[in-house]
PDB file of N, CA and C in Angstrom:
ATOM      1  N   MET A   1       0.967  -1.038  -0.036  1.00  0.00           N
ATOM      2  CA  MET A   1       0.144  -0.002   0.019  1.00  0.00           C
ATOM      3  C   MET A   1       0.988   1.239  -0.023  1.00  0.00           C
ATOM      4  N   PRO A   2       0.155   2.329  -0.712  1.00  0.00           N
ATOM      5  CA  PRO A   2       1.483   3.522  -0.705  1.00  0.00           C
ATOM      6  C   PRO A   2       1.130   4.397   0.685  1.00  0.00           C
ATOM      7  N   THR A   3       2.272   5.137   0.425  1.00  0.00           N
ATOM      8  CA  THR A   3       2.256   6.084   1.751  1.00  0.00           C
ATOM      9  C   THR A   3       2.090   7.209   1.149  1.00  0.00           C
ATOM     10  N   TYR A   4       0.927   8.185   2.238  1.00  0.00           N
ATOM     11  CA  TYR A   4       0.982   9.474   1.519  1.00  0.00           C
ATOM     12  C   TYR A   4       1.501  10.572   2.586  1.00  0.00           C
ATOM     13  N   GLU A   5       1.776  11.552   2.112  1.00  0.00           N
ATOM     14  CA  GLU A   5       2.132  13.021   3.011  1.00  0.00           C
ATOM     15  C   GLU A   5       0.989  13.746   2.841  1.00  0.00           C
ATOM     16  N   TYR A   6       0.571  14.308   4.194  1.00  0.00           N
ATOM     17  CA  TYR A   6      -0.198  15.356   4.447  1.00  0.00           C
ATOM     18  C   TYR A   6       0.077  16.616   4.909  1.00  0.00           C
ATOM     19  N   ALA A   7      -0.359  17.865   5.053  1.00  0.00           N
ATOM     20  CA  ALA A   7       0.041  18.728   5.459  1.00  0.00           C
ATOM     21  C   ALA A   7      -1.121  19.633   5.795  1.00  0.00           C
ATOM     22  N   CYS A   8      -1.317  20.308   7.234  1.00  0.00           N
ATOM     23  CA  CYS A   8      -2.361  20.893   7.692  1.00  0.00           C
ATOM     24  C   CYS A   8      -2.363  22.325   7.030  1.00  0.00           C
ATOM     25  N   LYS A   9      -3.387  22.778   6.630  1.00  0.00           N
ATOM     26  CA  LYS A   9      -3.351  24.162   6.162  1.00  0.00           C
ATOM     27  C   LYS A   9      -3.227  25.508   7.105  1.00  0.00           C
ATOM     28  N   ASP A  10      -3.561  25.219   8.338  1.00  0.00           N
ATOM     29  CA  ASP A  10      -3.619  26.160   9.562  1.00  0.00           C
ATOM     30  C   ASP A  10      -2.377  25.604  10.404  1.00  0.00           C
ATOM     31  N   CYS A  11      -2.264  24.463  10.979  1.00  0.00           N
ATOM     32  CA  CYS A  11      -0.853  24.571  11.799  1.00  0.00           C
ATOM     33  C   CYS A  11       0.443  24.159  10.920  1.00  0.00           C
ATOM     34  N   GLU A  12       0.120  23.622  10.129  1.00  0.00           N
ATOM     35  CA  GLU A  12       1.236  23.296   8.995  1.00  0.00           C
ATOM     36  C   GLU A  12       1.885  21.977   9.914  1.00  0.00           C
ATOM     37  N   HIS A  13       1.044  21.195  10.409  1.00  0.00           N
ATOM     38  CA  HIS A  13       1.601  19.496  10.725  1.00  0.00           C
ATOM     39  C   HIS A  13       1.824  19.185   9.696  1.00  0.00           C
ATOM     40  N   HIS A  14       2.790  18.185   9.567  1.00  0.00           N
ATOM     41  CA  HIS A  14       3.173  17.301   8.602  1.00  0.00           C
ATOM     42  C   HIS A  14       3.127  15.790   8.877  1.00  0.00           C
ATOM     43  N   PHE A  15       2.731  14.838   8.192  1.00  0.00           N
ATOM     44  CA  PHE A  15       2.512  13.506   8.697  1.00  0.00           C
ATOM     45  C   PHE A  15       2.083  12.721   7.794  1.00  0.00           C
ATOM     46  N   GLU A  16       2.599  11.453   7.458  1.00  0.00           N
ATOM     47  CA  GLU A  16       2.549  10.638   6.457  1.00  0.00           C
ATOM     48  C   GLU A  16       1.287   9.325   7.138  1.00  0.00           C
ATOM     49  N   VAL A  17       0.698   8.801   5.956  1.00  0.00           N
ATOM     50  CA  VAL A  17      -0.250   7.872   6.314  1.00  0.00           C
ATOM     51  C   VAL A  17       0.029   6.636   5.249  1.00  0.00           C
ATOM     52  N   VAL A  18      -0.178   5.546   5.882  1.00  0.00           N
ATOM     53  CA  VAL A  18      -0.372   4.229   4.830  1.00  0.00           C
ATOM     54  C   VAL A  18      -1.495   3.999   4.390  1.00  0.00           C
ATOM     55  N   GLN A  19      -2.395   4.400   3.444  1.00  0.00           N
ATOM     56  CA  GLN A  19      -3.532   4.076   2.623  1.00  0.00           C
ATOM     57  C   GLN A  19      -3.624   3.631   1.268  1.00  0.00           C
ATOM     58  N   ALA A  20      -4.819   2.491   1.121  1.00  0.00           N
ATOM     59  CA  ALA A  20      -5.119   1.892  -0.056  1.00  0.00           C
ATOM     60  C   ALA A  20      -5.449   2.919  -1.176  1.00  0.00           C
ATOM     61  N   PHE A  21      -5.553   2.432  -2.477  1.00  0.00           N
ATOM     62  CA  PHE A  21      -5.785   3.700  -3.424  1.00  0.00           C
ATOM     63  C   PHE A  21      -7.175   3.814  -2.947  1.00  0.00           C
ATOM     64  N   SER A  22      -7.805   2.517  -2.805  1.00  0.00           N
ATOM     65  CA  SER A  22      -9.557   2.620  -2.346  1.00  0.00           C
ATOM     66  C   SER A  22      -9.732   3.506  -1.263  1.00  0.00           C
ATOM     67  N   ASP A  23      -9.096   3.964  -0.652  1.00  0.00           N
ATOM     68  CA  ASP A  23      -9.560   4.949   0.733  1.00  0.00           C
ATOM     69  C   ASP A  23      -9.526   6.120   0.544  1.00  0.00           C
ATOM     70  N   ASP A  24     -10.665   6.976   0.864  1.00  0.00           N
ATOM     71  CA  ASP A  24     -10.640   8.261   1.037  1.00  0.00           C
ATOM     72  C   ASP A  24      -9.558   9.251   1.509  1.00  0.00           C
ATOM     73  N   ALA A  25      -9.430  10.506   0.609  1.00  0.00           N
ATOM     74  CA  ALA A  25      -8.020  10.849   1.179  1.00  0.00           C
ATOM     75  C   ALA A  25      -8.521  11.774   2.715  1.00  0.00           C
ATOM     76  N   LEU A  26      -7.766  11.732   3.569  1.00  0.00           N
ATOM     77  CA  LEU A  26      -8.052  12.596   4.858  1.00  0.00           C
ATOM     78  C   LEU A  26      -8.228  14.073   4.698  1.00  0.00           C
ATOM     79  N   THR A  27      -8.899  14.667   5.534  1.00  0.00           N
ATOM     80  CA  THR A  27      -9.367  16.036   5.422  1.00  0.00           C
ATOM     81  C   THR A  27      -9.246  16.936   6.610  1.00  0.00           C
ATOM     82  N   ILE A  28      -9.251  15.993   7.621  1.00  0.00           N
ATOM     83  CA  ILE A  28      -9.112  16.736   8.981  1.00  0.00           C
ATOM     84  C   ILE A  28      -7.917  16.280   9.663  1.00  0.00           C
ATOM     85  N   CYS A  29      -7.053  17.578  10.061  1.00  0.00           N
ATOM     86  CA  CYS A  29      -5.673  17.322  10.819  1.00  0.00           C
ATOM     87  C   CYS A  29      -5.993  16.844  12.105  1.00  0.00           C
ATOM     88  N   PRO A  30      -5.267  15.719  12.525  1.00  0.00           N
ATOM     89  CA  PRO A  30      -5.616  15.168  13.768  1.00  0.00           C
ATOM     90  C   PRO A  30      -5.194  15.939  15.435  1.00  0.00           C
ATOM     91  N   GLU A  31      -4.255  16.994  14.826  1.00  0.00           N
ATOM     92  CA  GLU A  31      -3.513  18.046  15.897  1.00  0.00           C
ATOM     93  C   GLU A  31      -4.597  19.376  16.308  1.00  0.00           C
ATOM     94  N   CYS A  32      -4.834  19.890  15.254  1.00  0.00           N
ATOM     95  CA  CYS A  32      -5.660  21.122  15.330  1.00  0.00           C
ATOM     96  C   CYS A  32      -7.490  20.938  14.847  1.00  0.00           C
ATOM     97  N   LYS A  33      -7.561  20.063  14.142  1.00  0.00           N
ATOM     98  CA  LYS A  33      -8.707  19.734  13.293  1.00  0.00           C
ATOM     99  C   LYS A  33      -9.095  20.833  12.327  1.00  0.00           C
ATOM    100  N   GLY A  34      -7.935  21.124  11.749  1.00  0.00           N
ATOM    101  CA  GLY A  34      -8.015  22.222  10.651  1.00  0.00           C
ATOM    102  C   GLY A  34      -8.166  21.226   9.439  1.00  0.00           C
ATOM    103  N   SER A  35      -8.186  22.024   8.379  1.00  0.00           N
ATOM    104  CA  SER A  35      -8.412  21.509   7.096  1.00  0.00           C
ATOM    105  C   SER A  35      -6.793  20.884   6.386  1.00  0.00           C
ATOM    106  N   LEU A  36      -6.706  19.807   5.567  1.00  0.00           N
ATOM    107  CA  LEU A  36      -5.558  19.188   5.358  1.00  0.00           C
ATOM    108  C   LEU A  36      -5.563  19.257   3.517  1.00  0.00           C
ATOM    109  N   ARG A  37      -4.050  19.425   3.144  1.00  0.00           N
ATOM    110  CA  ARG A  37      -3.792  19.145   1.820  1.00  0.00           C
ATOM    111  C   ARG A  37      -2.792  17.882   1.615  1.00  0.00           C
ATOM    112  N   LYS A  38      -3.187  17.312   0.508  1.00  0.00           N
ATOM    113  CA  LYS A  38      -1.915  16.223   0.074  1.00  0.00           C
ATOM    114  C   LYS A  38      -0.860  16.830  -0.587  1.00  0.00           C
ATOM    115  N   ILE A  39       0.259  16.237  -0.066  1.00  0.00           N
ATOM    116  CA  ILE A  39       1.596  16.577  -0.751  1.00  0.00           C
ATOM    117  C   ILE A  39       2.063  15.736  -1.478  1.00  0.00           C
ATOM    118  N   PHE A  40       2.164  16.059  -2.801  1.00  0.00           N
ATOM    119  CA  PHE A  40       2.330  15.297  -4.185  1.00  0.00           C
ATOM    120  C   PHE A  40       4.094  15.680  -4.304  1.00  0.00           C
ATOM    121  N   ALA A  41       4.616  14.742  -4.728  1.00  0.00           N
ATOM    122  CA  ALA A  41       6.029  14.606  -4.847  1.00  0.00           C
ATOM    123  C   ALA A  41       6.641  13.764  -6.046  1.00  0.00           C
ATOM    124  N   THR A  42       7.601  13.940  -6.692  1.00  0.00           N
ATOM    125  CA  THR A  42       7.850  13.285  -7.885  1.00  0.00           C
ATOM    126  C   THR A  42       8.171  11.945  -7.772  1.00  0.00           C
ATOM    127  N   ALA A  43       8.160  10.864  -8.686  1.00  0.00           N
ATOM    128  CA  ALA A  43       8.124   9.456  -8.582  1.00  0.00           C
ATOM    129  C   ALA A  43       9.600   9.147  -7.879  1.00  0.00           C
ATOM    130  N   GLY A  44       9.656   7.834  -7.157  1.00  0.00           N
ATOM    131  CA  GLY A  44      10.948   7.349  -6.502  1.00  0.00           C
ATOM    132  C   GLY A  44      11.475   6.784  -7.305  1.00  0.00           C
ATOM    133  N   VAL A  45      11.116   6.083  -8.514  1.00  0.00           N
ATOM    134  CA  VAL A  45      11.871   5.458  -9.324  1.00  0.00           C
ATOM    135  C   VAL A  45      11.305   5.813 -11.059  1.00  0.00           C
ATOM    136  N   VAL A  46      12.445   6.075 -11.736  1.00  0.00           N
ATOM    137  CA  VAL A  46      12.386   6.814 -13.004  1.00  0.00           C
ATOM    138  C   VAL A  46      13.365   5.279 -13.833  1.00  0.00           C
ATOM    139  N   PHE A  47      12.684   5.284 -14.811  1.00  0.00           N
ATOM    140  CA  PHE A  47      13.255   4.186 -15.844  1.00  0.00           C
ATOM    141  C   PHE A  47      13.353   4.970 -16.964  1.00  0.00           C
ATOM    142  N   LYS A  48      14.986   4.979 -17.039  1.00  0.00           N
ATOM    143  CA  LYS A  48      15.165   5.534 -18.484  1.00  0.00           C
ATOM    144  C   LYS A  48      16.156   4.593 -19.274  1.00  0.00           C
ATOM    145  N   GLY A  49      16.222   4.740 -20.531  1.00  0.00           N
ATOM    146  CA  GLY A  49      17.094   4.177 -21.690  1.00  0.00           C
ATOM    147  C   GLY A  49      16.790   2.960 -22.039  1.00  0.00           C
ATOM    148  N   SER A  50      17.104   2.262 -23.134  1.00  0.00           N
ATOM    149  CA  SER A  50      16.722   1.101 -23.546  1.00  0.00           C
ATOM    150  C   SER A  50      16.266  -0.195 -22.449  1.00  0.00           C
ATOM    151  N   GLY A  51      15.431  -0.988 -22.883  1.00  0.00           N
ATOM    152  CA  GLY A  51      15.306  -2.435 -21.970  1.00  0.00           C
ATOM    153  C   GLY A  51      13.989  -2.496 -21.071  1.00  0.00           C
ATOM    154  N   PHE A  52      13.424  -1.566 -21.197  1.00  0.00           N
ATOM    155  CA  PHE A  52      11.986  -1.176 -20.290  1.00  0.00           C
ATOM    156  C   PHE A  52      11.193  -1.442 -21.123  1.00  0.00           C
ATOM    157  N   TYR A  53      10.714  -1.587 -22.321  1.00  0.00           N
ATOM    158  CA  TYR A  53       9.649  -1.931 -22.858  1.00  0.00           C
ATOM    159  C   TYR A  53       9.571  -3.204 -23.444  1.00  0.00           C
ATOM    160  N   ARG A  54       8.709  -3.761 -24.033  1.00  0.00           N
ATOM    161  CA  ARG A  54       8.421  -5.015 -24.616  1.00  0.00           C
ATOM    162  C   ARG A  54       9.183  -4.993 -25.822  1.00  0.00           C
ATOM    163  N   THR A  55       9.174  -4.038 -26.768  1.00  0.00           N
ATOM    164  CA  THR A  55       9.554  -4.023 -28.009  1.00  0.00           C
ATOM    165  C   THR A  55      11.171  -3.657 -28.004  1.00  0.00           C
ATOM    166  N   ASP A  56      11.584  -3.632 -26.729  1.00  0.00           N
ATOM    167  CA  ASP A  56      13.348  -3.645 -26.740  1.00  0.00           C
ATOM    168  C   ASP A  56      13.943  -4.767 -27.201  1.00  0.00           C
ATOM    169  N   SER A  57      13.546  -5.722 -26.657  1.00  0.00           N
ATOM    170  CA  SER A  57      14.186  -7.147 -26.839  1.00  0.00           C
ATOM    171  C   SER A  57      14.030  -7.843 -28.015  1.00  0.00           C
ATOM    172  N   ARG A  58      12.951  -7.458 -28.491  1.00  0.00           N
ATOM    173  CA  ARG A  58      12.848  -7.949 -29.976  1.00  0.00           C
ATOM    174  C   ARG A  58      13.656  -7.980 -31.101  1.00  0.00           C
ATOM    175  N   ASN A  59      14.138  -8.762 -31.937  1.00  0.00           N
ATOM    176  CA  ASN A  59      14.998  -8.921 -33.077  1.00  0.00           C
ATOM    177  C   ASN A  59      13.892  -8.239 -33.890  1.00  0.00           C
ATOM    178  N   SER A  60      14.844  -7.382 -34.997  1.00  0.00           N
ATOM    179  CA  SER A  60      14.162  -7.186 -36.412  1.00  0.00           C
ATOM    180  C   SER A  60      13.776  -8.451 -37.413  1.00  0.00           C
ATOM    181  N   GLY A  61      14.572  -9.313 -37.069  1.00  0.00           N
ATOM    182  CA  GLY A  61      14.280 -10.429 -38.080  1.00  0.00           C
ATOM    183  C   GLY A  61      13.336 -11.221 -37.795  1.00  0.00           C
ATOM    184  N   SER A  62      13.677 -12.620 -38.359  1.00  0.00           N
ATOM    185  CA  SER A  62      12.596 -13.545 -38.036  1.00  0.00           C
ATOM    186  C   SER A  62      12.405 -14.179 -36.779  1.00  0.00           C
ATOM    187  N   SER A  63      11.435 -14.888 -36.183  1.00  0.00           N
ATOM    188  CA  SER A  63      11.576 -15.256 -35.129  1.00  0.00           C
ATOM    189  C   SER A  63      12.335 -16.831 -34.923  1.00  0.00           C
ATOM    190  N   GLU A  64      12.888 -17.286 -35.589  1.00  0.00           N
ATOM    191  CA  GLU A  64      13.404 -18.582 -35.566  1.00  0.00           C
ATOM    192  C   GLU A  64      14.796 -18.402 -35.242  1.00  0.00           C
ATOM    193  N   THR A  65      15.062 -19.688 -34.106  1.00  0.00           N
ATOM    194  CA  THR A  65      16.338 -19.403 -33.477  1.00  0.00           C
ATOM    195  C   THR A  65      17.301 -20.304 -34.639  1.00  0.00           C
ATOM    196  N   LYS A  66      18.510 -19.669 -34.512  1.00  0.00           N
ATOM    197  CA  LYS A  66      19.237 -20.165 -35.790  1.00  0.00           C
ATOM    198  C   LYS A  66      20.194 -21.044 -34.686  1.00  0.00           C
ATOM    199  N   SER A  67      20.712 -22.152 -35.497  1.00  0.00           N
ATOM    200  CA  SER A  67      21.365 -23.198 -34.977  1.00  0.00           C
ATOM    201  C   SER A  67      23.073 -22.908 -35.085  1.00  0.00           C
ATOM    202  N   THR A  68      23.539 -23.063 -34.351  1.00  0.00           N
ATOM    203  CA  THR A  68      25.179 -23.097 -34.022  1.00  0.00           C
ATOM    204  C   THR A  68      26.219 -24.423 -34.460  1.00  0.00           C
ATOM    205  N   GLU A  69      25.125 -25.673 -34.930  1.00  0.00           N
ATOM    206  CA  GLU A  69      25.855 -26.829 -35.354  1.00  0.00           C
ATOM    207  C   GLU A  69      26.515 -26.429 -36.676  1.00  0.00           C
ATOM    208  N   THR A  70      27.729 -27.762 -36.787  1.00  0.00           N
ATOM    209  CA  THR A  70      28.611 -27.618 -38.002  1.00  0.00           C
ATOM    210  C   THR A  70      28.566 -28.931 -38.786  1.00  0.00           C
TER     211      THR A  70
END
């Protein structure tokens, strides 16, 4: 389950909560009962380069395997 970060708009209290994707977002600060906003951050993992797509590992030729027998 993902971890979400929240910050209170009133008292600026920051905290993290582990929630399922189907759970509703929190709206009330546990410290002061003020309104919350969800903090969005960049992705922790970024895939760059070749080898991450299905088409990267395919040969442009036929699908037959070549034999190395002599």
